[in-house]
Amino acid sequence: NIADLNSCSLILSVYNTKGSENLTVIVNYNGYSFNVPFRIWYPSTVSIKLDDNQLNLIPEFSCMIDVNYYQSSNIWAFANFNAGTSLLIENVDVTKIVQFQLL
């Protein structure tokens, strides 16, 4: 499913799981008909990059104040975007629009 039409709205949501190089919506208004082309991009893969994937205890600080302190690391998310089968944009930094969660 690429997109949904609802009355006068073209709706793109998380339930639409495909893209399109050329999605044409036909608009009829006052006896006229118009073809309106859209290109729909969607993320096909997402990857994560870390500066350091093993965060160790920092014993010098932990024993002084009786709280465990660990190293930190930067984390980024990158996505490849497709529009249909032949158009691809690779390694787009999507860090600011994703949420990370510790498990």
N, C-alpha and C. Protein backbone atom coordinates (compact mmCIF):
# COMPACT_ATOMS: atom_id res chain seq x y z
N ASN A 1 0.84 -1.18 0.00
CA ASN A 1 0.00 0.00 0.00
C ASN A 1 0.88 1.24 0.00
N ILE A 2 0.74 2.09 -1.00
CA ILE A 2 1.60 3.27 -1.14
C ILE A 2 1.00 4.48 -0.44
N ALA A 3 -0.27 4.75 -0.69
CA ALA A 3 -0.93 5.91 -0.11
C ALA A 3 -2.43 5.64 -0.08
N ASP A 4 -3.15 6.45 0.69
CA ASP A 4 -4.60 6.33 0.77
C ASP A 4 -5.23 7.64 0.34
N LEU A 5 -6.32 7.55 -0.40
CA LEU A 5 -7.10 8.73 -0.77
C LEU A 5 -8.35 8.77 0.09
N ASN A 6 -8.61 9.95 0.66
CA ASN A 6 -9.79 10.14 1.49
C ASN A 6 -10.39 11.48 1.11
N SER A 7 -11.46 11.44 0.35
CA SER A 7 -12.12 12.66 -0.11
C SER A 7 -11.12 13.51 -0.89
N CYS A 8 -10.69 14.62 -0.34
CA CYS A 8 -9.76 15.52 -1.04
C CYS A 8 -8.34 15.44 -0.47
N SER A 9 -8.01 14.38 0.25
CA SER A 9 -6.70 14.28 0.89
C SER A 9 -5.95 13.05 0.42
N LEU A 10 -4.65 13.23 0.17
CA LEU A 10 -3.74 12.13 -0.06
C LEU A 10 -3.03 11.87 1.25
N ILE A 11 -3.18 10.67 1.79
CA ILE A 11 -2.69 10.38 3.14
C ILE A 11 -1.53 9.40 3.08
N LEU A 12 -0.41 9.78 3.69
CA LEU A 12 0.74 8.90 3.83
C LEU A 12 0.93 8.65 5.32
N SER A 13 1.06 7.40 5.72
CA SER A 13 1.18 7.08 7.13
C SER A 13 2.08 5.87 7.32
N VAL A 14 2.27 5.45 8.55
CA VAL A 14 3.10 4.29 8.85
C VAL A 14 2.48 3.00 8.30
N TYR A 15 1.22 3.04 7.96
CA TYR A 15 0.55 1.86 7.41
C TYR A 15 0.83 1.68 5.92
N ASN A 16 1.38 2.71 5.29
CA ASN A 16 1.77 2.61 3.88
C ASN A 16 3.19 2.10 3.83
N THR A 17 3.39 0.94 3.21
CA THR A 17 4.66 0.23 3.32
C THR A 17 5.47 0.20 2.03
N LYS A 18 5.07 0.96 1.04
CA LYS A 18 5.81 0.98 -0.22
C LYS A 18 5.98 2.41 -0.69
N GLY A 19 6.88 2.60 -1.64
CA GLY A 19 7.06 3.89 -2.27
C GLY A 19 6.72 3.80 -3.74
N SER A 20 6.92 4.91 -4.43
CA SER A 20 6.63 4.92 -5.86
C SER A 20 7.47 5.99 -6.54
N GLU A 21 8.01 5.64 -7.71
CA GLU A 21 8.73 6.63 -8.51
C GLU A 21 7.77 7.63 -9.11
N ASN A 22 6.56 7.18 -9.43
CA ASN A 22 5.61 8.06 -10.09
C ASN A 22 4.19 7.62 -9.74
N LEU A 23 3.67 8.15 -8.67
CA LEU A 23 2.29 7.91 -8.28
C LEU A 23 1.47 9.07 -8.84
N THR A 24 0.51 8.77 -9.71
CA THR A 24 -0.30 9.82 -10.32
C THR A 24 -1.68 9.84 -9.68
N VAL A 25 -2.06 11.02 -9.21
CA VAL A 25 -3.39 11.23 -8.66
C VAL A 25 -4.15 12.08 -9.66
N ILE A 26 -5.32 11.60 -10.03
CA ILE A 26 -6.15 12.34 -10.98
C ILE A 26 -7.10 13.24 -10.19
N VAL A 27 -7.02 14.53 -10.46
CA VAL A 27 -7.85 15.52 -9.76
C VAL A 27 -8.89 16.03 -10.74
N ASN A 28 -10.14 15.90 -10.37
CA ASN A 28 -11.24 16.43 -11.17
C ASN A 28 -11.84 17.62 -10.44
N TYR A 29 -11.92 18.75 -11.14
CA TYR A 29 -12.47 19.95 -10.53
C TYR A 29 -13.19 20.79 -11.58
N ASN A 30 -14.44 21.06 -11.31
CA ASN A 30 -15.22 21.98 -12.13
C ASN A 30 -15.17 21.63 -13.62
N GLY A 31 -15.24 20.34 -13.91
CA GLY A 31 -15.24 19.90 -15.30
C GLY A 31 -13.86 19.70 -15.90
N TYR A 32 -12.81 20.00 -15.18
CA TYR A 32 -11.44 19.82 -15.65
C TYR A 32 -10.82 18.61 -14.96
N SER A 33 -9.87 18.00 -15.62
CA SER A 33 -9.17 16.85 -15.06
C SER A 33 -7.67 17.11 -15.13
N PHE A 34 -6.97 16.89 -14.02
CA PHE A 34 -5.53 17.13 -13.93
C PHE A 34 -4.84 15.88 -13.40
N ASN A 35 -3.69 15.56 -13.96
CA ASN A 35 -2.83 14.50 -13.41
C ASN A 35 -1.77 15.17 -12.54
N VAL A 36 -1.71 14.76 -11.28
CA VAL A 36 -0.73 15.33 -10.36
C VAL A 36 0.25 14.22 -9.97
N PRO A 37 1.53 14.33 -10.40
CA PRO A 37 2.50 13.27 -10.08
C PRO A 37 3.12 13.47 -8.69
N PHE A 38 3.35 12.37 -8.01
CA PHE A 38 4.04 12.36 -6.72
C PHE A 38 5.14 11.32 -6.76
N ARG A 39 6.24 11.59 -6.07
CA ARG A 39 7.28 10.60 -5.83
C ARG A 39 7.26 10.32 -4.33
N ILE A 40 7.06 9.07 -3.95
CA ILE A 40 6.91 8.69 -2.55
C ILE A 40 8.16 7.93 -2.11
N TRP A 41 8.95 8.55 -1.21
CA TRP A 41 10.16 7.92 -0.67
C TRP A 41 9.80 7.20 0.62
N TYR A 42 10.45 6.08 0.88
CA TYR A 42 10.24 5.36 2.14
C TYR A 42 11.57 4.75 2.58
N PRO A 43 11.77 4.61 3.90
CA PRO A 43 13.01 4.01 4.38
C PRO A 43 12.99 2.50 4.17
N SER A 44 14.00 1.98 3.48
CA SER A 44 14.06 0.54 3.24
C SER A 44 14.92 -0.18 4.27
N THR A 45 15.97 0.48 4.75
CA THR A 45 16.81 -0.09 5.81
C THR A 45 17.25 1.03 6.75
N VAL A 46 17.47 0.68 8.00
CA VAL A 46 17.99 1.62 8.99
C VAL A 46 19.15 0.94 9.70
N SER A 47 20.23 1.69 9.89
CA SER A 47 21.39 1.14 10.60
C SER A 47 21.82 2.12 11.69
N ILE A 48 22.57 1.60 12.65
CA ILE A 48 23.05 2.41 13.78
C ILE A 48 24.57 2.38 13.80
N LYS A 49 25.18 3.53 14.10
CA LYS A 49 26.63 3.61 14.23
C LYS A 49 26.95 4.15 15.63
N LEU A 50 27.92 3.52 16.28
CA LEU A 50 28.37 3.93 17.61
C LEU A 50 29.85 4.24 17.58
N ASP A 51 30.29 5.23 18.36
CA ASP A 51 31.72 5.44 18.53
C ASP A 51 32.34 4.29 19.31
N ASP A 52 31.62 3.82 20.33
CA ASP A 52 32.12 2.75 21.19
C ASP A 52 30.93 1.90 21.60
N ASN A 53 30.95 0.61 21.28
CA ASN A 53 29.81 -0.24 21.61
C ASN A 53 29.98 -1.01 22.92
N GLN A 54 31.07 -0.76 23.63
CA GLN A 54 31.26 -1.39 24.94
C GLN A 54 31.56 -0.29 25.95
N LEU A 55 30.59 -0.01 26.81
CA LEU A 55 30.73 1.08 27.78
C LEU A 55 31.10 0.48 29.13
N ASN A 56 32.33 0.74 29.54
CA ASN A 56 32.88 0.15 30.76
C ASN A 56 32.67 1.06 31.97
N LEU A 57 32.71 0.44 33.12
CA LEU A 57 32.64 1.17 34.38
C LEU A 57 33.90 2.02 34.53
N ILE A 58 33.74 3.24 35.06
CA ILE A 58 34.89 4.10 35.34
C ILE A 58 35.16 3.97 36.85
N PRO A 59 36.08 3.11 37.22
CA PRO A 59 36.24 2.80 38.65
C PRO A 59 36.75 3.97 39.48
N GLU A 60 37.53 4.87 38.89
CA GLU A 60 38.09 6.00 39.66
C GLU A 60 36.98 6.87 40.26
N PHE A 61 35.92 7.09 39.50
CA PHE A 61 34.83 7.94 39.99
C PHE A 61 33.84 7.13 40.83
N SER A 62 33.62 5.90 40.48
CA SER A 62 32.61 5.10 41.16
C SER A 62 32.96 4.84 42.62
N CYS A 63 34.21 4.58 42.93
CA CYS A 63 34.56 4.26 44.31
C CYS A 63 34.63 5.52 45.18
N MET A 64 34.82 6.71 44.59
CA MET A 64 34.91 7.93 45.39
C MET A 64 33.56 8.39 45.92
N ILE A 65 32.51 8.22 45.14
CA ILE A 65 31.22 8.77 45.57
C ILE A 65 30.12 7.72 45.66
N ASP A 66 30.47 6.47 45.60
CA ASP A 66 29.54 5.36 45.78
C ASP A 66 28.40 5.34 44.75
N VAL A 67 28.71 5.79 43.55
CA VAL A 67 27.77 5.74 42.43
C VAL A 67 28.52 5.18 41.24
N ASN A 68 27.89 4.30 40.49
CA ASN A 68 28.55 3.73 39.32
C ASN A 68 28.48 4.70 38.14
N TYR A 69 29.64 5.05 37.60
CA TYR A 69 29.74 5.88 36.41
C TYR A 69 30.30 5.05 35.27
N TYR A 70 29.69 5.19 34.10
CA TYR A 70 30.12 4.45 32.92
C TYR A 70 30.55 5.40 31.82
N GLN A 71 31.35 4.87 30.91
CA GLN A 71 31.74 5.63 29.74
C GLN A 71 30.49 5.98 28.93
N SER A 72 30.62 6.96 28.05
CA SER A 72 29.50 7.30 27.16
C SER A 72 29.97 7.16 25.71
N SER A 73 29.01 7.20 24.82
CA SER A 73 29.32 7.07 23.40
C SER A 73 28.31 7.85 22.58
N ASN A 74 28.74 8.33 21.43
CA ASN A 74 27.81 8.95 20.49
C ASN A 74 27.13 7.85 19.68
N ILE A 75 25.87 8.09 19.31
CA ILE A 75 25.11 7.13 18.52
C ILE A 75 24.39 7.88 17.38
N TRP A 76 24.40 7.28 16.21
CA TRP A 76 23.74 7.86 15.03
C TRP A 76 22.87 6.81 14.37
N ALA A 77 21.86 7.26 13.65
CA ALA A 77 21.02 6.36 12.84
C ALA A 77 21.08 6.83 11.39
N PHE A 78 21.20 5.88 10.47
CA PHE A 78 21.24 6.15 9.04
C PHE A 78 20.19 5.29 8.34
N ALA A 79 19.60 5.82 7.28
CA ALA A 79 18.59 5.07 6.54
C ALA A 79 18.87 5.15 5.05
N ASN A 80 18.48 4.09 4.35
CA ASN A 80 18.44 4.11 2.89
C ASN A 80 16.98 4.31 2.50
N PHE A 81 16.74 5.21 1.56
CA PHE A 81 15.38 5.51 1.11
C PHE A 81 15.19 5.05 -0.33
N ASN A 82 14.05 4.42 -0.58
CA ASN A 82 13.68 3.97 -1.92
C ASN A 82 12.40 4.68 -2.36
N ALA A 83 12.29 4.83 -3.68
CA ALA A 83 11.03 5.26 -4.30
C ALA A 83 10.79 4.28 -5.43
N GLY A 84 10.02 3.26 -5.17
CA GLY A 84 9.83 2.22 -6.17
C GLY A 84 11.02 1.28 -6.18
N THR A 85 11.39 0.80 -7.38
CA THR A 85 12.43 -0.22 -7.47
C THR A 85 13.78 0.30 -7.90
N SER A 86 13.84 1.44 -8.61
CA SER A 86 15.12 1.84 -9.18
C SER A 86 15.74 3.07 -8.53
N LEU A 87 15.00 3.84 -7.76
CA LEU A 87 15.56 5.04 -7.14
C LEU A 87 15.97 4.75 -5.70
N LEU A 88 17.20 5.13 -5.35
CA LEU A 88 17.73 4.85 -4.03
C LEU A 88 18.61 6.01 -3.57
N ILE A 89 18.41 6.44 -2.34
CA ILE A 89 19.30 7.40 -1.68
C ILE A 89 19.86 6.68 -0.46
N GLU A 90 21.19 6.62 -0.37
CA GLU A 90 21.83 5.82 0.69
C GLU A 90 22.39 6.69 1.81
N ASN A 91 22.43 6.11 3.00
CA ASN A 91 23.09 6.67 4.18
C ASN A 91 22.64 8.09 4.53
N VAL A 92 21.34 8.27 4.63
CA VAL A 92 20.78 9.56 5.06
C VAL A 92 20.80 9.58 6.59
N ASP A 93 21.39 10.63 7.16
CA ASP A 93 21.45 10.74 8.62
C ASP A 93 20.05 11.09 9.14
N VAL A 94 19.44 10.15 9.86
CA VAL A 94 18.10 10.34 10.41
C VAL A 94 18.12 10.40 11.94
N THR A 95 19.29 10.67 12.50
CA THR A 95 19.47 10.66 13.95
C THR A 95 18.47 11.57 14.66
N LYS A 96 18.22 12.75 14.11
CA LYS A 96 17.36 13.73 14.78
C LYS A 96 15.88 13.36 14.74
N ILE A 97 15.51 12.38 13.92
CA ILE A 97 14.08 12.05 13.82
C ILE A 97 13.76 10.63 14.29
N VAL A 98 14.74 9.94 14.88
CA VAL A 98 14.47 8.62 15.45
C VAL A 98 14.61 8.69 16.96
N GLN A 99 14.10 7.68 17.63
CA GLN A 99 14.24 7.58 19.07
C GLN A 99 15.04 6.33 19.40
N PHE A 100 16.00 6.46 20.30
CA PHE A 100 16.81 5.33 20.73
C PHE A 100 16.29 4.88 22.10
N GLN A 101 16.40 3.59 22.36
CA GLN A 101 15.94 3.05 23.63
C GLN A 101 16.94 2.04 24.16
N LEU A 102 17.30 2.16 25.42
CA LEU A 102 18.17 1.17 26.07
C LEU A 102 17.33 -0.01 26.48
N LEU A 103 17.86 -1.19 26.24
CA LEU A 103 17.16 -2.41 26.66
C LEU A 103 17.92 -3.09 27.78
